[in-house]
Structures are given as structure tokens and as C-alpha cells.
Protein backbone atom coordinates (compact mmCIF):
# COMPACT_ATOMS: atom_id res chain seq x y z
CA MET A 1 -30.79 77.39 8.77
CA ALA A 2 -32.75 74.19 8.24
CA THR A 3 -31.46 70.99 9.75
CA PHE A 4 -31.90 67.44 8.62
CA TYR A 5 -31.76 64.26 10.60
CA LEU A 6 -30.74 60.85 9.37
CA ASN A 7 -34.15 59.49 10.33
CA ASP A 8 -36.13 62.48 8.97
CA ASP A 9 -39.11 61.04 7.07
CA THR A 10 -40.09 64.37 5.51
CA ASP A 11 -36.92 64.75 3.43
CA THR A 12 -36.73 61.90 0.93
CA ARG A 13 -33.42 62.91 -0.67
CA PRO A 14 -30.77 60.21 -0.29
CA ILE A 15 -27.84 60.78 2.05
CA LYS A 16 -24.35 60.78 0.53
CA LEU A 17 -20.99 60.84 2.31
CA PHE A 18 -18.23 63.11 0.98
CA PHE A 19 -14.73 63.92 2.23
CA GLU A 20 -13.26 67.40 1.63
CA ASP A 21 -9.76 68.86 1.73
CA GLU A 22 -7.73 71.73 0.32
CA ALA A 23 -4.28 71.72 -1.23
CA ARG A 24 -1.81 74.41 -2.21
CA PHE A 25 -0.24 74.39 -5.68
CA GLY A 26 2.36 76.84 -6.80
CA ARG A 27 5.62 77.63 -8.48
CA ILE A 28 7.81 75.88 -5.92
CA ASN A 29 8.31 72.52 -7.56
CA ILE A 30 8.95 69.17 -5.92
CA VAL A 31 11.94 67.31 -7.31
CA SER A 32 11.25 63.58 -7.22
CA ARG A 33 12.22 60.35 -8.92
CA CYS A 34 11.13 59.88 -12.50
CA TRP A 35 11.53 57.38 -15.32
CA VAL A 36 14.06 58.07 -18.07
CA PRO A 37 15.38 55.82 -20.86
CA LYS A 38 18.32 53.57 -20.02
CA ALA A 39 21.77 55.18 -20.21
CA THR A 40 20.36 58.71 -19.78
CA ARG A 41 20.13 60.93 -16.74
CA ALA A 42 17.10 62.98 -15.71
CA LYS A 43 17.69 66.71 -15.64
CA VAL A 44 15.33 68.66 -13.39
CA THR A 45 15.76 72.22 -12.18
CA LYS A 46 14.61 73.39 -8.77
CA GLN A 47 12.22 76.35 -8.70
CA MET A 48 11.61 78.36 -5.50
CA ILE A 49 9.07 81.08 -6.37
CA ARG A 50 6.48 81.55 -3.61
CA GLU A 51 3.25 82.05 -5.56
CA TYR A 52 0.29 79.80 -4.82
CA ILE A 53 -3.30 78.94 -5.61
CA TYR A 54 -5.56 76.55 -3.70
CA ALA A 55 -7.73 73.66 -4.79
CA TYR A 56 -10.81 72.73 -2.78
CA THR A 57 -12.02 69.21 -3.57
CA THR A 58 -14.60 66.87 -2.16
CA VAL A 59 -15.00 63.22 -3.13
CA CYS A 60 -17.47 60.42 -2.46
CA PRO A 61 -15.30 57.30 -2.02
CA GLU A 62 -18.21 55.02 -2.82
CA THR A 63 -19.05 56.45 -6.26
CA GLY A 64 -16.00 58.53 -7.23
CA GLU A 65 -18.18 61.63 -7.63
CA ASN A 66 -16.21 64.77 -6.91
CA TYR A 67 -16.44 68.51 -6.98
CA SER A 68 -13.62 71.07 -7.05
CA ILE A 69 -12.94 74.78 -7.21
CA ILE A 70 -9.69 76.73 -7.50
CA SER A 71 -9.26 79.78 -5.29
CA PRO A 72 -6.56 82.42 -4.96
CA VAL A 73 -6.99 82.32 -1.16
CA ASN A 74 -7.53 79.71 1.53
CA ASN A 75 -9.92 81.11 4.12
CA THR A 76 -13.51 81.06 5.39
CA ASP A 77 -14.83 83.12 2.46
CA ALA A 78 -13.36 80.66 -0.04
CA MET A 79 -14.80 77.74 1.96
CA ASN A 80 -18.23 79.41 1.99
CA LYS A 81 -18.06 79.85 -1.80
CA PHE A 82 -17.04 76.21 -2.20
CA LEU A 83 -19.90 74.97 0.03
CA ALA A 84 -22.49 77.16 -1.72
CA ASP A 85 -21.44 75.97 -5.19
CA PHE A 86 -21.21 72.34 -4.06
CA SER A 87 -24.66 72.54 -2.47
CA ILE A 88 -26.19 73.72 -5.74
CA ALA A 89 -24.46 70.96 -7.71
CA TYR A 90 -25.63 68.29 -5.23
CA ASN A 91 -29.00 69.74 -4.17
CA HIS A 92 -30.66 66.37 -4.85
CA TYR A 93 -28.73 64.85 -1.88
CA ARG A 94 -28.45 65.39 1.83
CA VAL A 95 -24.68 65.46 2.26
CA ILE A 96 -22.51 64.56 5.20
CA MET A 97 -19.14 66.18 4.55
CA CYS A 98 -16.15 64.95 6.56
CA LEU A 99 -13.31 67.40 6.98
CA ASP A 100 -10.38 68.20 9.21
CA GLY A 101 -10.20 70.88 11.91
CA ALA A 102 -8.75 73.72 9.81
CA GLY A 103 -9.69 77.17 11.09
CA TRP A 104 -11.95 77.93 8.10
CA HIS A 105 -13.84 74.66 8.70
CA THR A 106 -14.67 75.58 12.30
CA SER A 107 -15.12 79.34 11.90
CA LYS A 108 -18.25 81.00 13.29
CA GLU A 109 -18.60 82.72 9.89
CA LEU A 110 -18.88 79.37 8.06
CA GLU A 111 -22.22 79.28 6.21
CA LEU A 112 -23.60 75.76 5.89
CA PRO A 113 -26.12 75.19 3.08
CA GLU A 114 -29.39 73.50 4.01
CA ASN A 115 -28.40 70.15 2.50
CA VAL A 116 -24.84 69.89 3.91
CA ARG A 117 -23.78 68.81 7.41
CA ILE A 118 -20.21 68.73 8.67
CA LEU A 119 -18.58 65.78 10.40
CA LYS A 120 -15.21 66.76 11.85
CA LEU A 121 -12.41 64.22 11.60
CA PRO A 122 -10.10 63.66 14.60
CA PRO A 123 -7.06 65.96 14.79
CA TYR A 124 -3.69 64.82 13.42
CA ALA A 125 -5.26 61.99 11.40
CA PRO A 126 -4.88 62.83 7.68
CA GLU A 127 -5.00 59.09 6.92
CA LEU A 128 -8.73 59.23 7.68
CA ASN A 129 -9.35 61.68 4.83
CA PRO A 130 -9.16 59.88 1.47
CA THR A 131 -9.00 63.21 -0.38
CA GLU A 132 -5.33 63.36 0.68
CA HIS A 133 -4.67 60.57 -1.84
CA ILE A 134 -5.99 62.77 -4.64
CA TRP A 135 -3.32 65.39 -3.92
CA ASP A 136 -0.58 62.75 -4.00
CA TYR A 137 -1.94 61.39 -7.29
CA ILE A 138 -2.10 64.87 -8.89
CA ARG A 139 1.42 65.79 -7.84
CA GLU A 140 2.93 62.48 -8.92
CA GLN A 141 0.97 61.70 -12.10
CA LYS A 142 -0.29 64.99 -13.52
CA LYS A 143 2.79 67.14 -14.25
CA PHE A 144 3.39 68.92 -10.98
CA ASN A 145 6.47 67.13 -9.65
CA ASN A 146 9.68 67.86 -11.61
CA TYR A 147 7.95 70.58 -13.59
CA ASN A 148 8.62 74.35 -13.63
CA PHE A 149 5.87 76.88 -14.30
CA GLU A 150 6.68 80.28 -15.79
CA THR A 151 3.59 81.98 -14.30
CA LEU A 152 0.91 81.30 -11.71
CA ASN A 153 -1.58 81.26 -14.60
CA GLU A 154 0.23 78.19 -15.98
CA VAL A 155 -0.17 76.50 -12.60
CA GLU A 156 -3.87 77.32 -12.60
CA GLU A 157 -4.39 76.10 -16.18
CA ASN A 158 -2.62 72.81 -15.43
CA LEU A 159 -4.55 72.34 -12.18
CA CYS A 160 -7.86 73.18 -13.85
CA ARG A 161 -7.19 70.69 -16.67
CA THR A 162 -6.18 68.04 -14.14
CA LEU A 163 -9.27 68.52 -11.95
CA LYS A 164 -11.53 68.37 -15.03
CA GLU A 165 -9.86 65.09 -16.06
CA LEU A 166 -10.33 63.69 -12.56
CA ASN A 167 -13.99 64.63 -12.67
CA THR A 168 -14.49 61.93 -15.31
CA GLU A 169 -12.17 59.33 -13.75
CA HIS A 170 -14.60 57.87 -11.22
CA GLU A 171 -12.97 54.43 -11.14
CA THR A 172 -9.55 55.97 -10.46
CA LEU A 173 -11.00 58.05 -7.62
CA ILE A 174 -12.78 55.03 -6.15
CA SER A 175 -9.51 53.08 -6.15
CA LEU A 176 -7.61 56.02 -4.63
CA CYS A 177 -10.17 56.96 -2.00
CA ASN A 178 -12.01 53.82 -0.96
CA PHE A 179 -11.36 52.42 2.51
CA ARG A 180 -10.69 48.76 1.68
CA TRP A 181 -10.09 47.97 5.35
CA LEU A 182 -13.61 49.17 6.17
CA LYS A 183 -15.12 46.51 3.89
CA LYS A 184 -13.08 43.83 5.67
CA LEU A 185 -14.38 44.98 9.04
CA SER A 186 -18.02 44.77 7.92
CA CYS A 187 -17.73 41.15 6.72
């Protein structure tokens, strides 16, 4: 496997910072507050069916660029597929990808593409991964809370549609994922 260094003069591709995380979506719904017209009462049913799919997403907080896949499993093989596809999509960059210490991120079977390097975030610090905000946004704004799905295919269709929409919402992703406190420190 080829390595790159930040001061490598032979590779002229720009370096870009991404943050990656996975989330589980399924048929167990989350009942939460919602807006309803005055003098009416919200009616939401609770659903407890344990069927899940997983979204793998990476985002560049600076530009709002993002890349996602949906997988039926959450393991090293799925992570390898995600990294390989991401590497092809962003082959014009050298990428530093920040991620947590999940077992499939640190596995010996993890296959890093030539243009991607991993930077592990400290344990028990999800606030350092801005991708976590994307999951909150999807669940609150994109028809996952207070919504029942008849099949896992409906979950996947809704998640796929949502991730495609987010792929074009760069300004929204920048506002969700940018570290405003970091800019204050650099002044």
C-alpha cells in the first residue's frame, strides 16, 4: 500500500479533511415532539420491529461535500466497500478521514485505499465528529421520527432519498458540521 505524507512534493493532489460515521435506521421508530395545528392532538403509534439497515456517511465540514452508502450489515467488509467506493469518487484528493474507534475502523482486515489515511478520534467523544449532527438532522427533519414503516424496503427508500437530497444541500451540511469554535480559536 502506498503512503502519502503531508509534505510529499511528488503528489500534487490537494489534501481534504473528512469525518465519517455510521448510523442504524430501522423499523423501531422514535416518538418525539412534533408540530400540530392548534386545538388538535398529535397521534403517533409506537413501532418495535427489530429490522435495520446502516448508513455510512462521510462529510467535509469545510465544503459540505459528502459521500454515503447504505448497507445491510455494519462490519469490516461493509467499511472496506465504503472506503473503496469513496476513494474512487474522490481520487483527485488525498483524504484524511477522521473516525471513531469502532471495531471495523481498527480491524486488521481494513483495506485502506492509496489516497485515504485514517485519523482516529479520541474514545467517548462523539461531539468531535460532526457527522453525528447529520444523523440527528435526518431523524428529526426527514420523516424518521414519529413515522412507521411497513417494510425494511420502505426504510431503505426513505433513507436513500434523504441521503440523495443531502448530497445537494452543501450549505445545510456546512452549517450542521462546521466547528464554529475552531474559527474563534484561530483568530
